[in-house]
N, C-alpha and C. Protein backbone atom coordinates (compact mmCIF):
# COMPACT_ATOMS: atom_id res chain seq x y z
N MET A 1 0.80 -1.40 -0.24
CA MET A 1 0.11 -0.09 0.01
C MET A 1 1.05 1.33 0.05
N PRO A 2 0.47 2.44 -0.92
CA PRO A 2 1.08 3.31 -1.03
C PRO A 2 1.68 4.50 0.53
N SER A 3 2.18 5.36 0.20
CA SER A 3 2.02 6.22 1.83
C SER A 3 1.37 6.78 1.78
N MET A 4 1.39 7.48 2.75
CA MET A 4 0.87 9.28 2.30
C MET A 4 1.05 9.96 1.49
N THR A 5 2.52 10.21 1.78
CA THR A 5 3.44 10.92 0.96
C THR A 5 3.58 10.48 -0.44
N THR A 6 3.49 9.53 -0.84
CA THR A 6 3.41 9.10 -2.26
C THR A 6 1.83 8.89 -2.97
N ALA A 7 0.96 9.09 -2.45
CA ALA A 7 -0.47 9.09 -2.11
C ALA A 7 -0.63 10.41 -2.45
N LYS A 8 -0.19 11.70 -2.02
CA LYS A 8 -0.81 12.69 -2.31
C LYS A 8 -0.60 13.31 -3.41
N PRO A 9 0.77 13.32 -3.53
CA PRO A 9 1.07 14.11 -5.44
C PRO A 9 0.20 13.61 -5.83
N LEU A 10 0.25 12.39 -5.95
CA LEU A 10 -1.25 11.02 -6.93
C LEU A 10 -2.66 12.14 -6.97
N LEU A 11 -2.69 12.48 -5.90
CA LEU A 11 -4.32 12.96 -5.65
C LEU A 11 -4.64 14.13 -6.27
N LEU A 12 -3.16 15.09 -5.67
CA LEU A 12 -3.10 16.43 -6.63
C LEU A 12 -3.82 16.76 -7.80
N LEU A 13 -2.59 15.70 -8.53
CA LEU A 13 -2.34 15.21 -9.54
C LEU A 13 -4.41 14.50 -10.63
N LEU A 14 -4.76 14.32 -9.69
CA LEU A 14 -6.25 13.74 -10.32
C LEU A 14 -6.91 14.90 -10.24
N ALA A 15 -7.12 15.75 -8.89
CA ALA A 15 -7.83 16.78 -8.92
C ALA A 15 -7.52 17.84 -9.56
N ALA A 16 -6.73 17.89 -10.41
CA ALA A 16 -6.35 18.73 -11.12
C ALA A 16 -6.81 18.48 -12.52
N LEU A 17 -6.26 17.55 -12.37
CA LEU A 17 -7.40 17.10 -14.01
C LEU A 17 -9.23 16.85 -14.72
N LEU A 18 -9.35 16.86 -12.38
CA LEU A 18 -11.60 16.20 -12.57
C LEU A 18 -11.68 17.68 -13.83
N PRO A 19 -11.00 19.22 -13.45
CA PRO A 19 -12.12 20.31 -14.14
C PRO A 19 -11.64 20.25 -15.48
N ALA A 20 -10.90 19.30 -15.98
CA ALA A 20 -10.75 19.67 -17.62
C ALA A 20 -11.44 18.66 -18.20
N LEU A 21 -11.72 17.34 -17.56
CA LEU A 21 -12.56 16.39 -17.79
C LEU A 21 -13.80 17.24 -17.46
N ALA A 22 -14.31 17.64 -16.93
CA ALA A 22 -16.11 18.38 -16.65
C ALA A 22 -16.06 19.26 -17.50
N HIS A 23 -15.34 19.76 -18.44
CA HIS A 23 -15.08 20.50 -18.98
C HIS A 23 -15.11 20.11 -20.55
N ALA A 24 -15.23 18.59 -21.00
CA ALA A 24 -14.81 17.94 -21.97
C ALA A 24 -16.39 18.47 -22.84
N GLY A 25 -16.72 18.49 -24.14
CA GLY A 25 -17.35 18.66 -24.70
C GLY A 25 -17.37 18.12 -25.91
N THR A 26 -18.67 18.10 -27.20
CA THR A 26 -18.46 16.96 -28.17
C THR A 26 -19.47 17.97 -29.11
N ALA A 27 -18.66 17.95 -29.95
CA ALA A 27 -19.36 18.04 -31.13
C ALA A 27 -20.41 16.78 -32.15
N SER A 28 -21.19 17.18 -33.60
CA SER A 28 -21.88 16.60 -34.18
C SER A 28 -22.43 17.31 -35.32
N ASN A 29 -22.16 16.57 -36.15
CA ASN A 29 -22.61 17.60 -37.87
C ASN A 29 -23.27 16.30 -38.86
N SER A 30 -23.61 16.10 -39.42
CA SER A 30 -25.03 15.41 -40.05
C SER A 30 -24.42 15.05 -41.91
N PHE A 31 -24.29 14.02 -42.75
CA PHE A 31 -24.27 13.81 -44.68
C PHE A 31 -24.94 12.85 -44.84
N GLN A 32 -24.90 13.48 -45.90
CA GLN A 32 -26.04 12.27 -46.53
C GLN A 32 -25.46 11.39 -47.47
N VAL A 33 -26.22 10.59 -47.39
CA VAL A 33 -25.93 8.69 -47.74
C VAL A 33 -26.91 8.55 -49.28
N THR A 34 -26.23 9.14 -50.63
CA THR A 34 -27.95 8.63 -51.65
C THR A 34 -26.81 7.72 -53.12
N ALA A 35 -27.79 7.46 -53.85
CA ALA A 35 -27.64 6.88 -54.81
C ALA A 35 -28.74 6.60 -55.52
N THR A 36 -28.46 6.93 -56.94
CA THR A 36 -29.21 7.69 -58.06
C THR A 36 -29.24 5.90 -58.43
N VAL A 37 -30.84 4.91 -58.87
CA VAL A 37 -31.60 4.02 -59.56
C VAL A 37 -31.84 4.76 -60.60
N ASN A 38 -31.48 4.07 -61.69
CA ASN A 38 -31.93 4.17 -62.97
C ASN A 38 -32.94 3.19 -63.60
N SER A 39 -33.95 3.98 -64.51
CA SER A 39 -35.05 2.42 -65.06
C SER A 39 -33.88 1.82 -66.82
N SER A 40 -34.11 0.99 -66.21
CA SER A 40 -33.73 0.05 -67.16
C SER A 40 -34.42 -0.71 -68.29
N CYS A 41 -34.33 -1.21 -69.50
CA CYS A 41 -35.27 -2.63 -69.35
C CYS A 41 -33.95 -3.10 -70.64
N SER A 42 -34.50 -3.93 -71.31
CA SER A 42 -33.82 -5.19 -71.83
C SER A 42 -34.99 -6.30 -72.84
N VAL A 43 -34.42 -6.73 -73.25
CA VAL A 43 -35.10 -7.80 -74.47
C VAL A 43 -34.30 -8.41 -75.32
N SER A 44 -35.43 -9.56 -75.17
CA SER A 44 -34.25 -10.79 -76.17
C SER A 44 -35.67 -11.27 -76.89
N GLY A 45 -35.76 -12.37 -77.91
CA GLY A 45 -37.02 -13.20 -78.46
C GLY A 45 -36.40 -14.52 -78.68
N THR A 46 -36.92 -14.42 -79.61
CA THR A 46 -37.37 -16.60 -80.22
C THR A 46 -37.50 -16.45 -81.71
N SER A 47 -37.03 -16.48 -82.97
CA SER A 47 -37.50 -16.20 -84.42
C SER A 47 -38.55 -17.42 -84.67
N LEU A 48 -39.87 -16.78 -84.78
CA LEU A 48 -40.93 -17.32 -85.01
C LEU A 48 -40.99 -17.97 -85.95
N ASN A 49 -41.07 -19.04 -86.59
CA ASN A 49 -41.08 -20.15 -87.45
C ASN A 49 -41.87 -20.49 -88.09
N PHE A 50 -42.86 -20.53 -89.11
CA PHE A 50 -43.88 -20.99 -89.47
C PHE A 50 -43.74 -22.67 -90.12
N GLY A 51 -42.16 -23.01 -90.18
CA GLY A 51 -42.32 -23.96 -90.94
C GLY A 51 -40.67 -24.51 -91.73
N ALA A 52 -40.52 -25.23 -91.82
CA ALA A 52 -39.12 -25.57 -91.94
C ALA A 52 -39.40 -26.08 -93.64
N SER A 53 -40.85 -27.21 -93.93
CA SER A 53 -41.19 -27.62 -94.82
C SER A 53 -42.37 -27.54 -95.34
N ILE A 54 -42.44 -26.45 -95.57
CA ILE A 54 -44.82 -26.17 -95.59
C ILE A 54 -44.73 -26.59 -97.15
N ASP A 55 -45.70 -27.20 -97.14
CA ASP A 55 -46.55 -28.11 -98.30
C ASP A 55 -47.94 -27.02 -99.21
N PRO A 56 -47.51 -26.00 -99.54
CA PRO A 56 -48.43 -24.76 -99.71
C PRO A 56 -50.03 -26.14 -100.56
N LEU A 57 -49.76 -26.46 -101.30
CA LEU A 57 -50.77 -27.86 -101.74
C LEU A 57 -51.82 -28.85 -100.74
N ALA A 58 -51.15 -29.07 -99.41
CA ALA A 58 -51.43 -29.69 -98.73
C ALA A 58 -52.10 -28.69 -97.12
N THR A 59 -50.97 -27.60 -97.19
CA THR A 59 -51.25 -26.77 -96.10
C THR A 59 -52.68 -25.94 -96.07
N ALA A 60 -53.27 -25.83 -94.69
CA ALA A 60 -54.46 -25.42 -94.92
C ALA A 60 -53.99 -23.93 -94.37
N THR A 61 -54.99 -22.72 -94.88
CA THR A 61 -54.54 -21.80 -94.40
C THR A 61 -55.22 -20.99 -94.00
N PRO A 62 -55.49 -19.96 -92.84
CA PRO A 62 -53.93 -19.40 -92.65
C PRO A 62 -53.37 -20.40 -91.86
N LEU A 63 -51.85 -19.62 -91.68
CA LEU A 63 -51.05 -20.75 -91.20
C LEU A 63 -50.15 -20.09 -90.20
N ASP A 64 -50.60 -20.19 -88.74
CA ASP A 64 -50.20 -19.91 -87.66
C ASP A 64 -49.23 -20.18 -86.70
N ALA A 65 -48.16 -19.58 -86.36
CA ALA A 65 -47.40 -19.86 -85.11
C ALA A 65 -47.15 -18.48 -84.92
N THR A 66 -45.68 -18.84 -83.46
CA THR A 66 -45.74 -18.01 -81.94
C THR A 66 -44.30 -18.18 -81.74
N SER A 67 -43.77 -17.15 -81.30
CA SER A 67 -42.58 -17.39 -80.49
C SER A 67 -42.92 -16.17 -78.98
N THR A 68 -41.60 -15.86 -78.90
CA THR A 68 -41.69 -15.27 -77.45
C THR A 68 -40.82 -13.76 -77.42
N LEU A 69 -41.36 -13.10 -76.54
CA LEU A 69 -40.16 -12.03 -76.29
C LEU A 69 -40.33 -11.72 -74.34
N SER A 70 -38.69 -11.39 -74.11
CA SER A 70 -38.52 -11.63 -72.55
C SER A 70 -37.77 -10.61 -72.78
N VAL A 71 -39.00 -9.65 -71.63
CA VAL A 71 -39.32 -8.64 -71.13
C VAL A 71 -38.02 -8.14 -69.90
N VAL A 72 -37.35 -7.70 -69.45
CA VAL A 72 -37.09 -7.61 -67.88
C VAL A 72 -36.34 -6.10 -68.23
N CYS A 73 -37.49 -5.72 -67.14
CA CYS A 73 -37.92 -3.87 -66.61
C CYS A 73 -37.10 -3.68 -65.68
N THR A 74 -36.68 -2.49 -64.86
CA THR A 74 -36.80 -2.22 -63.34
C THR A 74 -37.93 -2.63 -62.69
N ASN A 75 -37.62 -2.70 -61.33
CA ASN A 75 -39.36 -2.86 -60.71
C ASN A 75 -40.20 -1.36 -61.03
N THR A 76 -41.43 -1.62 -60.89
CA THR A 76 -42.33 -0.58 -61.26
C THR A 76 -41.93 0.57 -62.06
N THR A 77 -40.71 0.20 -63.01
CA THR A 77 -40.65 0.69 -64.45
C THR A 77 -41.79 0.40 -65.44
N PRO A 78 -42.44 1.77 -65.93
CA PRO A 78 -43.57 1.58 -66.93
C PRO A 78 -43.29 1.29 -68.34
N TYR A 79 -43.34 -0.01 -68.93
CA TYR A 79 -42.98 0.07 -70.66
C TYR A 79 -43.62 -0.13 -71.28
N THR A 80 -43.59 0.08 -73.08
CA THR A 80 -44.50 0.14 -73.83
C THR A 80 -43.20 -1.18 -74.66
N VAL A 81 -43.91 -2.37 -75.38
CA VAL A 81 -43.19 -2.76 -76.54
C VAL A 81 -43.78 -2.24 -78.07
N ALA A 82 -43.37 -2.39 -78.77
CA ALA A 82 -43.45 -1.89 -80.03
C ALA A 82 -42.55 -3.35 -81.16
N LEU A 83 -43.49 -3.52 -82.48
CA LEU A 83 -42.42 -3.95 -83.31
C LEU A 83 -42.55 -3.34 -84.58
N ASN A 84 -41.63 -2.93 -85.52
CA ASN A 84 -41.65 -2.46 -86.64
C ASN A 84 -42.05 -3.41 -87.88
N ALA A 85 -42.20 -2.70 -88.89
CA ALA A 85 -43.28 -3.88 -90.35
C ALA A 85 -42.34 -4.81 -91.00
N GLY A 86 -40.97 -4.29 -90.16
CA GLY A 86 -39.78 -5.51 -90.79
C GLY A 86 -38.99 -4.84 -91.92
N VAL A 87 -38.01 -5.43 -92.67
CA VAL A 87 -37.04 -4.92 -93.44
C VAL A 87 -37.71 -4.84 -94.40
N ASN A 88 -38.67 -5.80 -95.10
CA ASN A 88 -39.07 -5.87 -96.34
C ASN A 88 -40.81 -5.66 -97.06
N ALA A 89 -41.09 -4.30 -95.95
CA ALA A 89 -42.81 -4.32 -95.79
C ALA A 89 -42.64 -2.62 -96.30
N GLY A 90 -41.34 -2.23 -96.96
CA GLY A 90 -41.56 -0.95 -97.82
C GLY A 90 -41.15 0.79 -96.89
N GLY A 91 -41.19 0.30 -95.25
CA GLY A 91 -41.42 1.19 -94.67
C GLY A 91 -41.71 0.39 -92.82
N ALA A 92 -40.84 1.43 -92.33
CA ALA A 92 -41.35 1.03 -90.73
C ALA A 92 -42.68 0.95 -90.46
N SER A 93 -43.55 1.62 -90.81
CA SER A 93 -44.66 1.20 -90.46
C SER A 93 -46.15 0.65 -91.49
N ASN A 94 -45.06 0.02 -92.14
CA ASN A 94 -46.14 -0.18 -92.90
C ASN A 94 -46.74 -1.17 -92.68
N PHE A 95 -47.00 -2.05 -91.63
CA PHE A 95 -47.91 -2.63 -91.02
C PHE A 95 -48.73 -3.56 -92.13
N SER A 96 -49.31 -3.17 -92.48
CA SER A 96 -50.35 -4.12 -93.60
C SER A 96 -50.27 -4.91 -94.79
N THR A 97 -48.44 -4.42 -95.38
CA THR A 97 -47.73 -5.42 -96.38
C THR A 97 -46.18 -5.77 -95.86
N ARG A 98 -46.58 -6.68 -94.29
CA ARG A 98 -45.51 -7.25 -93.74
C ARG A 98 -45.21 -7.93 -94.65
N LYS A 99 -43.79 -8.40 -95.16
CA LYS A 99 -43.78 -10.12 -96.33
C LYS A 99 -42.14 -10.23 -95.69
N MET A 100 -42.23 -11.29 -96.43
CA MET A 100 -40.74 -12.33 -96.21
C MET A 100 -40.56 -12.18 -97.44
N LYS A 101 -38.95 -12.35 -97.63
CA LYS A 101 -38.60 -12.61 -99.36
C LYS A 101 -37.28 -14.09 -99.22
N SER A 102 -38.20 -14.58 -100.35
CA SER A 102 -36.77 -15.16 -101.12
C SER A 102 -35.91 -15.00 -102.20
N GLY A 103 -35.12 -14.44 -102.89
CA GLY A 103 -35.39 -13.41 -103.90
C GLY A 103 -35.70 -12.55 -103.97
N SER A 104 -36.10 -12.32 -105.10
CA SER A 104 -37.44 -11.45 -105.34
C SER A 104 -38.79 -12.07 -104.87
N ASN A 105 -38.72 -12.58 -104.36
CA ASN A 105 -40.13 -13.31 -104.11
C ASN A 105 -40.89 -13.54 -103.04
N THR A 106 -41.88 -12.83 -102.40
CA THR A 106 -42.13 -12.40 -100.82
C THR A 106 -43.15 -13.05 -101.02
N LEU A 107 -43.47 -13.15 -99.73
CA LEU A 107 -44.63 -14.34 -98.81
C LEU A 107 -44.94 -13.33 -97.67
N GLY A 108 -46.26 -12.58 -98.06
CA GLY A 108 -47.00 -11.92 -96.48
C GLY A 108 -47.45 -12.66 -95.56
N TYR A 109 -46.95 -11.57 -94.67
CA TYR A 109 -47.67 -12.35 -93.24
C TYR A 109 -47.74 -11.70 -92.52
N GLN A 110 -49.01 -11.72 -90.84
CA GLN A 110 -48.71 -10.50 -89.51
C GLN A 110 -48.09 -11.15 -88.55
N LEU A 111 -48.02 -10.01 -87.96
CA LEU A 111 -48.23 -10.24 -86.32
C LEU A 111 -48.83 -10.01 -85.40
N TYR A 112 -49.79 -10.55 -84.61
CA TYR A 112 -50.87 -10.25 -83.54
C TYR A 112 -50.47 -10.13 -81.90
N LEU A 113 -51.25 -9.20 -81.46
CA LEU A 113 -51.45 -8.84 -79.67
C LEU A 113 -51.57 -10.07 -79.31
N ASP A 114 -52.99 -10.85 -79.83
CA ASP A 114 -53.05 -11.44 -78.68
C ASP A 114 -53.78 -12.80 -80.28
N SER A 115 -54.22 -14.09 -79.43
CA SER A 115 -54.52 -14.86 -80.12
C SER A 115 -55.81 -15.38 -80.97
N ALA A 116 -56.10 -14.57 -81.01
CA ALA A 116 -57.43 -14.11 -82.36
C ALA A 116 -56.79 -13.58 -83.06
N ARG A 117 -55.67 -13.17 -83.45
CA ARG A 117 -55.51 -12.10 -84.36
C ARG A 117 -56.10 -11.68 -84.91
N SER A 118 -56.74 -10.39 -84.10
CA SER A 118 -57.05 -9.31 -84.57
C SER A 118 -56.92 -8.06 -84.22
N SER A 119 -55.38 -7.77 -83.19
CA SER A 119 -54.73 -6.26 -83.09
C SER A 119 -53.58 -6.71 -83.75
N VAL A 120 -53.09 -5.97 -84.33
CA VAL A 120 -51.62 -6.50 -85.03
C VAL A 120 -50.55 -5.44 -85.11
N TRP A 121 -49.98 -6.06 -83.94
CA TRP A 121 -48.66 -5.44 -83.16
C TRP A 121 -47.96 -4.43 -84.04
N GLY A 122 -47.65 -3.65 -83.64
CA GLY A 122 -47.33 -2.58 -84.77
C GLY A 122 -46.48 -1.27 -83.14
N ASP A 123 -46.39 -0.19 -84.04
CA ASP A 123 -45.55 0.64 -82.70
C ASP A 123 -46.64 2.11 -83.21
N GLY A 124 -47.94 1.30 -82.84
CA GLY A 124 -48.71 2.23 -82.15
C GLY A 124 -49.86 3.21 -83.12
N THR A 125 -48.96 3.68 -84.53
CA THR A 125 -49.57 4.14 -85.21
C THR A 125 -50.15 2.77 -86.79
N ALA A 126 -51.00 3.39 -87.71
CA ALA A 126 -51.42 2.96 -88.42
C ALA A 126 -52.27 1.94 -88.68
N SER A 127 -53.24 1.81 -87.44
CA SER A 127 -54.01 0.70 -87.07
C SER A 127 -53.12 -0.34 -86.31
N SER A 128 -51.96 -0.32 -85.91
CA SER A 128 -51.41 -0.64 -84.92
C SER A 128 -51.39 -1.02 -83.67
N SER A 129 -51.08 -1.69 -83.05
CA SER A 129 -51.39 -1.78 -80.94
C SER A 129 -50.04 -1.82 -80.81
N THR A 130 -49.58 -1.50 -79.75
CA THR A 130 -48.61 -1.89 -79.08
C THR A 130 -49.46 -2.47 -77.31
N SER A 131 -47.50 -3.42 -76.73
CA SER A 131 -47.74 -3.88 -75.84
C SER A 131 -47.01 -3.63 -74.79
N ALA A 132 -48.67 -2.68 -73.44
CA ALA A 132 -47.65 -2.30 -72.42
C ALA A 132 -47.62 -2.54 -70.97
N GLY A 133 -46.90 -2.93 -70.36
CA GLY A 133 -46.71 -3.44 -69.37
C GLY A 133 -45.69 -2.39 -67.91
N THR A 134 -45.64 -3.67 -66.51
CA THR A 134 -45.39 -2.26 -65.95
C THR A 134 -43.57 -3.73 -64.76
N GLY A 135 -42.53 -3.33 -65.25
CA GLY A 135 -41.32 -4.23 -64.76
C GLY A 135 -41.49 -4.37 -63.12
N THR A 136 -40.71 -5.92 -62.98
CA THR A 136 -40.89 -6.33 -62.22
C THR A 136 -39.33 -6.20 -61.41
N GLY A 137 -38.80 -6.40 -62.25
CA GLY A 137 -37.29 -6.48 -62.04
C GLY A 137 -36.94 -8.39 -62.47
N SER A 138 -38.00 -8.28 -62.72
CA SER A 138 -37.82 -10.10 -62.96
C SER A 138 -38.09 -10.46 -64.97
N ALA A 139 -38.08 -11.10 -65.47
CA ALA A 139 -38.66 -11.83 -67.01
C ALA A 139 -40.02 -11.49 -67.05
N GLN A 140 -40.21 -10.82 -67.91
CA GLN A 140 -42.05 -11.06 -68.25
C GLN A 140 -42.02 -11.35 -69.56
N THR A 141 -42.85 -12.71 -70.26
CA THR A 141 -42.73 -13.26 -71.19
C THR A 141 -44.09 -12.87 -71.66
N LEU A 142 -43.80 -11.54 -73.28
CA LEU A 142 -45.14 -11.43 -74.29
C LEU A 142 -44.84 -12.84 -75.52
N THR A 143 -46.29 -13.02 -75.63
CA THR A 143 -46.24 -13.94 -77.07
C THR A 143 -46.80 -13.33 -78.13
N ILE A 144 -45.86 -13.43 -78.96
CA ILE A 144 -46.10 -12.92 -80.93
C ILE A 144 -46.59 -14.06 -81.31
N TYR A 145 -48.05 -13.81 -81.55
CA TYR A 145 -49.05 -14.57 -82.60
C TYR A 145 -48.51 -14.40 -84.31
N GLY A 146 -48.19 -15.25 -85.26
CA GLY A 146 -47.74 -14.78 -86.15
C GLY A 146 -48.69 -15.70 -87.22
N ARG A 147 -49.17 -15.45 -88.60
CA ARG A 147 -50.04 -15.57 -89.23
C ARG A 147 -49.64 -15.71 -90.73
N LEU A 148 -49.63 -16.55 -91.45
CA LEU A 148 -49.78 -16.65 -93.01
C LEU A 148 -50.80 -16.55 -93.40
N PRO A 149 -51.31 -15.71 -93.93
CA PRO A 149 -52.87 -15.51 -94.69
C PRO A 149 -53.16 -16.31 -95.71
N SER A 150 -51.59 -16.65 -96.86
CA SER A 150 -52.05 -17.59 -97.66
C SER A 150 -51.24 -17.97 -98.60
N LEU A 151 -51.29 -19.30 -98.78
CA LEU A 151 -49.66 -19.65 -99.77
C LEU A 151 -50.28 -20.01 -101.13
N ALA A 152 -51.23 -18.99 -101.31
CA ALA A 152 -51.64 -19.21 -102.99
C ALA A 152 -50.77 -18.38 -103.51
N ASN A 153 -50.09 -19.53 -105.04
CA ASN A 153 -49.46 -19.13 -105.85
C ASN A 153 -48.00 -18.62 -105.52
N VAL A 154 -47.05 -19.30 -103.77
CA VAL A 154 -46.34 -18.68 -103.45
C VAL A 154 -45.16 -19.56 -104.16
N VAL A 155 -43.92 -18.87 -104.32
CA VAL A 155 -42.76 -20.00 -105.38
C VAL A 155 -41.89 -20.53 -104.43
N PRO A 156 -41.52 -22.03 -104.00
CA PRO A 156 -40.98 -22.76 -103.63
C PRO A 156 -39.23 -21.49 -103.24
N GLY A 157 -39.02 -21.65 -101.47
CA GLY A 157 -37.57 -21.21 -100.78
C GLY A 157 -37.85 -21.04 -100.00
N SER A 158 -37.39 -20.00 -99.78
CA SER A 158 -36.30 -19.84 -97.68
C SER A 158 -36.98 -18.70 -97.53
N TYR A 159 -37.69 -18.19 -96.86
CA TYR A 159 -38.23 -16.86 -97.01
C TYR A 159 -37.83 -16.40 -95.41
N THR A 160 -37.86 -15.17 -95.98
CA THR A 160 -37.32 -14.63 -94.33
C THR A 160 -37.25 -12.75 -94.22
N ASP A 161 -37.42 -12.41 -92.81
CA ASP A 161 -37.92 -10.78 -92.53
C ASP A 161 -37.16 -10.96 -91.07
N THR A 162 -36.73 -9.41 -91.09
CA THR A 162 -36.23 -9.46 -89.84
C THR A 162 -36.73 -8.20 -89.09
N VAL A 163 -37.39 -8.33 -87.79
CA VAL A 163 -38.17 -6.95 -87.59
C VAL A 163 -37.85 -6.45 -86.02
N THR A 164 -37.94 -5.62 -86.40
CA THR A 164 -37.23 -4.47 -85.43
C THR A 164 -38.09 -4.67 -83.90
N VAL A 165 -37.63 -4.82 -82.86
CA VAL A 165 -38.36 -4.83 -81.72
C VAL A 165 -37.74 -3.60 -80.99
N THR A 166 -38.88 -2.38 -80.29
CA THR A 166 -38.10 -1.43 -79.40
C THR A 166 -38.98 -1.41 -78.14
N VAL A 167 -38.66 -1.77 -76.83
CA VAL A 167 -38.90 -1.15 -75.65
C VAL A 167 -38.51 0.00 -75.28
N SER A 168 -39.80 1.05 -75.07
CA SER A 168 -39.38 2.58 -74.01
C SER A 168 -39.78 2.31 -73.51
N TYR A 169 -39.18 3.17 -72.28
CA TYR A 169 -39.62 3.81 -70.61
C TYR A 169 -39.01 4.67 -70.34
């Protein structure tokens, strides 16, 4: 145990420090934490194939086929999906003249929003409609309903067209 002579200077030192500790203060401030999340969408699709060996004399028309689009948009993002008329229609909004080509030969077709094939899927112009939705952050599947209305007088060949899909958000 320390003697009173050694403890006295220690007590005096502690007594001197106590007023300094009693007057200690604090300061505070705040800062913001921020992030900006952008709306975003992506789209992919499968080919629409009416068949690889169509016999125009034995195949009933109209001939129908389907394909799918997969649309992914950020949660709560409203979007619209439009299709152009294809590269062979003579204009992006010439929906009544959609056609596939094999060389200089053509084969008319149409794309629809509904299984009844009553609403032409286009860009919202020239009596066409678009598909609208709201993003969930997960893939949403849309079906494209295709139709070859006639095979009359079609020339044999491999027919193709390219349709551009546009997602606006």
